[in-house]
Amino acid sequence: MRGYQFYRQKPILDYIVDFYCSKLDLVIEIDGISHIGEEVEDKERQSKIENLGIEFLRIPDNEVKENMDGVYQVIVEWIEIHESNKN
């Protein structure tokens, strides 16, 4: 995406994130039914990973299923805003 490599199911610390781009220090998490009831654990996990300087972009899975073009646009806009800080 925009020349950046994203890795799927990437281990970070003791966790596995959905997608990770090391050049952007960005995790993309797709939040679906498996996250229901796991909000406290998700917040703790995210906090530990963010302490490494990695940012999170959380996307509801229904958006991925129903509006992939919109999801793509959200990610591209995030990259455009943040990439100048990473280069």
N, C-alpha and C. Protein backbone atom coordinates (compact mmCIF):
# COMPACT_ATOMS: atom_id res chain seq x y z
N MET A 1 0.84 -1.17 0.00
CA MET A 1 0.00 0.00 0.00
C MET A 1 0.89 1.24 0.00
N ARG A 2 0.77 2.04 -1.04
CA ARG A 2 1.58 3.26 -1.20
C ARG A 2 3.08 2.97 -1.06
N GLY A 3 3.48 1.76 -1.44
CA GLY A 3 4.89 1.40 -1.38
C GLY A 3 5.37 0.85 -0.05
N TYR A 4 4.48 0.75 0.92
CA TYR A 4 4.85 0.23 2.24
C TYR A 4 4.49 -1.25 2.33
N GLN A 5 5.37 -2.01 2.96
CA GLN A 5 5.15 -3.44 3.18
C GLN A 5 4.43 -3.65 4.51
N PHE A 6 3.29 -4.32 4.46
CA PHE A 6 2.55 -4.69 5.66
C PHE A 6 2.65 -6.20 5.83
N TYR A 7 2.94 -6.61 7.05
CA TYR A 7 3.01 -8.03 7.37
C TYR A 7 1.75 -8.44 8.11
N ARG A 8 1.21 -9.58 7.74
CA ARG A 8 -0.01 -10.10 8.34
C ARG A 8 0.34 -11.04 9.48
N GLN A 9 -0.44 -10.97 10.55
CA GLN A 9 -0.25 -11.84 11.71
C GLN A 9 1.18 -11.75 12.24
N LYS A 10 1.60 -10.54 12.54
CA LYS A 10 2.98 -10.26 12.97
C LYS A 10 3.10 -10.34 14.49
N PRO A 11 4.03 -11.16 14.99
CA PRO A 11 4.27 -11.19 16.44
C PRO A 11 4.99 -9.92 16.91
N ILE A 12 4.46 -9.32 17.96
CA ILE A 12 5.10 -8.19 18.64
C ILE A 12 4.95 -8.45 20.13
N LEU A 13 6.07 -8.44 20.85
CA LEU A 13 6.08 -8.84 22.26
C LEU A 13 5.48 -10.24 22.34
N ASP A 14 4.51 -10.43 23.23
CA ASP A 14 3.87 -11.75 23.37
C ASP A 14 2.53 -11.80 22.65
N TYR A 15 2.33 -10.92 21.67
CA TYR A 15 1.05 -10.79 21.00
C TYR A 15 1.22 -10.96 19.50
N ILE A 16 0.11 -11.20 18.83
CA ILE A 16 0.11 -11.24 17.36
C ILE A 16 -0.88 -10.18 16.90
N VAL A 17 -0.39 -9.24 16.08
CA VAL A 17 -1.25 -8.18 15.55
C VAL A 17 -1.71 -8.58 14.15
N ASP A 18 -2.81 -8.00 13.72
CA ASP A 18 -3.37 -8.35 12.41
C ASP A 18 -2.44 -7.94 11.27
N PHE A 19 -2.03 -6.66 11.25
CA PHE A 19 -1.14 -6.16 10.21
C PHE A 19 -0.13 -5.21 10.85
N TYR A 20 1.11 -5.23 10.31
CA TYR A 20 2.15 -4.37 10.86
C TYR A 20 3.04 -3.86 9.74
N CYS A 21 3.36 -2.55 9.81
CA CYS A 21 4.33 -1.94 8.91
C CYS A 21 5.43 -1.33 9.75
N SER A 22 6.63 -1.88 9.64
CA SER A 22 7.74 -1.40 10.47
C SER A 22 8.20 0.01 10.07
N LYS A 23 8.18 0.35 8.79
CA LYS A 23 8.62 1.67 8.37
C LYS A 23 7.71 2.78 8.88
N LEU A 24 6.43 2.47 9.07
CA LEU A 24 5.49 3.45 9.60
C LEU A 24 5.27 3.29 11.10
N ASP A 25 5.81 2.22 11.69
CA ASP A 25 5.52 1.88 13.08
C ASP A 25 4.00 1.89 13.30
N LEU A 26 3.30 1.14 12.43
CA LEU A 26 1.84 1.11 12.42
C LEU A 26 1.31 -0.31 12.52
N VAL A 27 0.40 -0.49 13.45
CA VAL A 27 -0.38 -1.73 13.55
C VAL A 27 -1.79 -1.41 13.09
N ILE A 28 -2.33 -2.26 12.24
CA ILE A 28 -3.74 -2.17 11.87
C ILE A 28 -4.42 -3.38 12.46
N GLU A 29 -5.40 -3.12 13.31
CA GLU A 29 -6.17 -4.18 13.94
C GLU A 29 -7.58 -4.17 13.38
N ILE A 30 -8.06 -5.33 13.00
CA ILE A 30 -9.42 -5.50 12.53
C ILE A 30 -10.22 -6.05 13.70
N ASP A 31 -11.11 -5.21 14.23
CA ASP A 31 -11.88 -5.58 15.42
C ASP A 31 -13.19 -6.23 15.03
N GLY A 32 -13.29 -7.49 15.37
CA GLY A 32 -14.51 -8.24 15.08
C GLY A 32 -15.06 -8.89 16.33
N ILE A 33 -15.82 -9.93 16.13
CA ILE A 33 -16.51 -10.61 17.21
C ILE A 33 -15.55 -11.16 18.26
N SER A 34 -14.34 -11.51 17.85
CA SER A 34 -13.37 -12.07 18.80
C SER A 34 -12.92 -11.03 19.83
N HIS A 35 -13.19 -9.75 19.57
CA HIS A 35 -12.79 -8.70 20.50
C HIS A 35 -13.89 -8.35 21.51
N ILE A 36 -15.09 -8.86 21.28
CA ILE A 36 -16.19 -8.57 22.20
C ILE A 36 -15.89 -9.23 23.55
N GLY A 37 -15.96 -8.43 24.60
CA GLY A 37 -15.64 -8.92 25.93
C GLY A 37 -14.17 -8.91 26.25
N GLU A 38 -13.36 -8.50 25.30
CA GLU A 38 -11.90 -8.48 25.48
C GLU A 38 -11.36 -7.06 25.52
N GLU A 39 -12.23 -6.10 25.77
CA GLU A 39 -11.83 -4.70 25.70
C GLU A 39 -10.69 -4.36 26.66
N VAL A 40 -10.74 -4.87 27.87
CA VAL A 40 -9.69 -4.58 28.85
C VAL A 40 -8.36 -5.18 28.39
N GLU A 41 -8.40 -6.42 27.95
CA GLU A 41 -7.19 -7.08 27.48
C GLU A 41 -6.64 -6.39 26.23
N ASP A 42 -7.54 -5.99 25.32
CA ASP A 42 -7.11 -5.29 24.11
C ASP A 42 -6.43 -3.98 24.44
N LYS A 43 -6.99 -3.25 25.40
CA LYS A 43 -6.43 -1.95 25.79
C LYS A 43 -5.04 -2.14 26.41
N GLU A 44 -4.90 -3.16 27.26
CA GLU A 44 -3.61 -3.45 27.89
C GLU A 44 -2.57 -3.84 26.84
N ARG A 45 -2.97 -4.72 25.94
CA ARG A 45 -2.09 -5.18 24.85
C ARG A 45 -1.67 -3.99 23.99
N GLN A 46 -2.63 -3.15 23.61
CA GLN A 46 -2.32 -2.00 22.78
C GLN A 46 -1.37 -1.05 23.50
N SER A 47 -1.59 -0.83 24.77
CA SER A 47 -0.73 0.07 25.55
C SER A 47 0.71 -0.44 25.58
N LYS A 48 0.88 -1.73 25.80
CA LYS A 48 2.23 -2.30 25.83
C LYS A 48 2.94 -2.13 24.49
N ILE A 49 2.21 -2.34 23.42
CA ILE A 49 2.81 -2.21 22.09
C ILE A 49 3.07 -0.74 21.76
N GLU A 50 2.15 0.14 22.15
CA GLU A 50 2.37 1.57 21.92
C GLU A 50 3.58 2.09 22.69
N ASN A 51 3.90 1.48 23.81
CA ASN A 51 5.10 1.87 24.57
C ASN A 51 6.38 1.62 23.78
N LEU A 52 6.29 0.83 22.71
CA LEU A 52 7.43 0.60 21.82
C LEU A 52 7.52 1.68 20.73
N GLY A 53 6.58 2.63 20.74
CA GLY A 53 6.55 3.68 19.73
C GLY A 53 5.73 3.32 18.51
N ILE A 54 4.92 2.29 18.63
CA ILE A 54 4.08 1.83 17.53
C ILE A 54 2.67 2.38 17.71
N GLU A 55 2.10 2.88 16.61
CA GLU A 55 0.75 3.42 16.66
C GLU A 55 -0.26 2.39 16.16
N PHE A 56 -1.51 2.55 16.61
CA PHE A 56 -2.59 1.63 16.24
C PHE A 56 -3.62 2.34 15.39
N LEU A 57 -4.13 1.63 14.41
CA LEU A 57 -5.30 2.04 13.65
C LEU A 57 -6.27 0.88 13.76
N ARG A 58 -7.39 1.09 14.44
CA ARG A 58 -8.37 0.03 14.66
C ARG A 58 -9.53 0.22 13.70
N ILE A 59 -9.90 -0.86 13.03
CA ILE A 59 -10.97 -0.82 12.04
C ILE A 59 -11.97 -1.92 12.34
N PRO A 60 -13.26 -1.58 12.46
CA PRO A 60 -14.28 -2.61 12.70
C PRO A 60 -14.36 -3.57 11.50
N ASP A 61 -14.51 -4.86 11.79
CA ASP A 61 -14.53 -5.84 10.71
C ASP A 61 -15.70 -5.65 9.76
N ASN A 62 -16.82 -5.10 10.26
CA ASN A 62 -17.95 -4.89 9.34
C ASN A 62 -17.60 -3.83 8.29
N GLU A 63 -16.72 -2.88 8.62
CA GLU A 63 -16.27 -1.91 7.63
C GLU A 63 -15.44 -2.59 6.54
N VAL A 64 -14.61 -3.54 6.95
CA VAL A 64 -13.81 -4.29 5.97
C VAL A 64 -14.73 -5.08 5.05
N LYS A 65 -15.75 -5.69 5.61
CA LYS A 65 -16.68 -6.50 4.82
C LYS A 65 -17.59 -5.67 3.93
N GLU A 66 -18.00 -4.49 4.40
CA GLU A 66 -19.03 -3.73 3.70
C GLU A 66 -18.51 -2.50 2.97
N ASN A 67 -17.31 -2.03 3.30
CA ASN A 67 -16.82 -0.77 2.74
C ASN A 67 -15.31 -0.79 2.59
N MET A 68 -14.79 -1.73 1.85
CA MET A 68 -13.34 -1.87 1.72
C MET A 68 -12.70 -0.62 1.09
N ASP A 69 -13.39 0.02 0.15
CA ASP A 69 -12.85 1.24 -0.43
C ASP A 69 -12.68 2.32 0.63
N GLY A 70 -13.65 2.44 1.52
CA GLY A 70 -13.56 3.40 2.61
C GLY A 70 -12.43 3.08 3.57
N VAL A 71 -12.26 1.80 3.87
CA VAL A 71 -11.17 1.36 4.75
C VAL A 71 -9.82 1.70 4.11
N TYR A 72 -9.70 1.41 2.83
CA TYR A 72 -8.48 1.73 2.10
C TYR A 72 -8.18 3.23 2.20
N GLN A 73 -9.21 4.04 2.02
CA GLN A 73 -9.04 5.49 2.07
C GLN A 73 -8.59 5.95 3.46
N VAL A 74 -9.15 5.36 4.51
CA VAL A 74 -8.75 5.71 5.88
C VAL A 74 -7.27 5.39 6.09
N ILE A 75 -6.84 4.25 5.61
CA ILE A 75 -5.43 3.86 5.77
C ILE A 75 -4.53 4.79 4.98
N VAL A 76 -4.89 5.09 3.73
CA VAL A 76 -4.09 5.99 2.90
C VAL A 76 -4.00 7.37 3.55
N GLU A 77 -5.10 7.88 4.08
CA GLU A 77 -5.08 9.18 4.74
C GLU A 77 -4.18 9.15 5.98
N TRP A 78 -4.23 8.06 6.75
CA TRP A 78 -3.35 7.93 7.91
C TRP A 78 -1.90 8.00 7.46
N ILE A 79 -1.57 7.25 6.40
CA ILE A 79 -0.20 7.23 5.89
C ILE A 79 0.23 8.63 5.45
N GLU A 80 -0.63 9.32 4.71
CA GLU A 80 -0.28 10.65 4.22
C GLU A 80 0.00 11.62 5.37
N ILE A 81 -0.76 11.52 6.43
CA ILE A 81 -0.57 12.40 7.59
C ILE A 81 0.71 12.06 8.33
N HIS A 82 1.01 10.77 8.46
CA HIS A 82 2.09 10.34 9.34
C HIS A 82 3.42 10.03 8.65
N GLU A 83 3.42 9.80 7.33
CA GLU A 83 4.65 9.34 6.71
C GLU A 83 5.76 10.38 6.75
N SER A 84 5.43 11.64 6.72
CA SER A 84 6.49 12.66 6.79
C SER A 84 7.21 12.64 8.12
N ASN A 85 6.54 12.15 9.17
CA ASN A 85 7.17 12.05 10.48
C ASN A 85 8.10 10.84 10.58
N LYS A 86 7.94 9.87 9.68
CA LYS A 86 8.72 8.63 9.75
C LYS A 86 9.93 8.63 8.82
N ASN A 87 9.97 9.56 7.87
CA ASN A 87 11.07 9.57 6.90
C ASN A 87 12.21 10.43 7.36
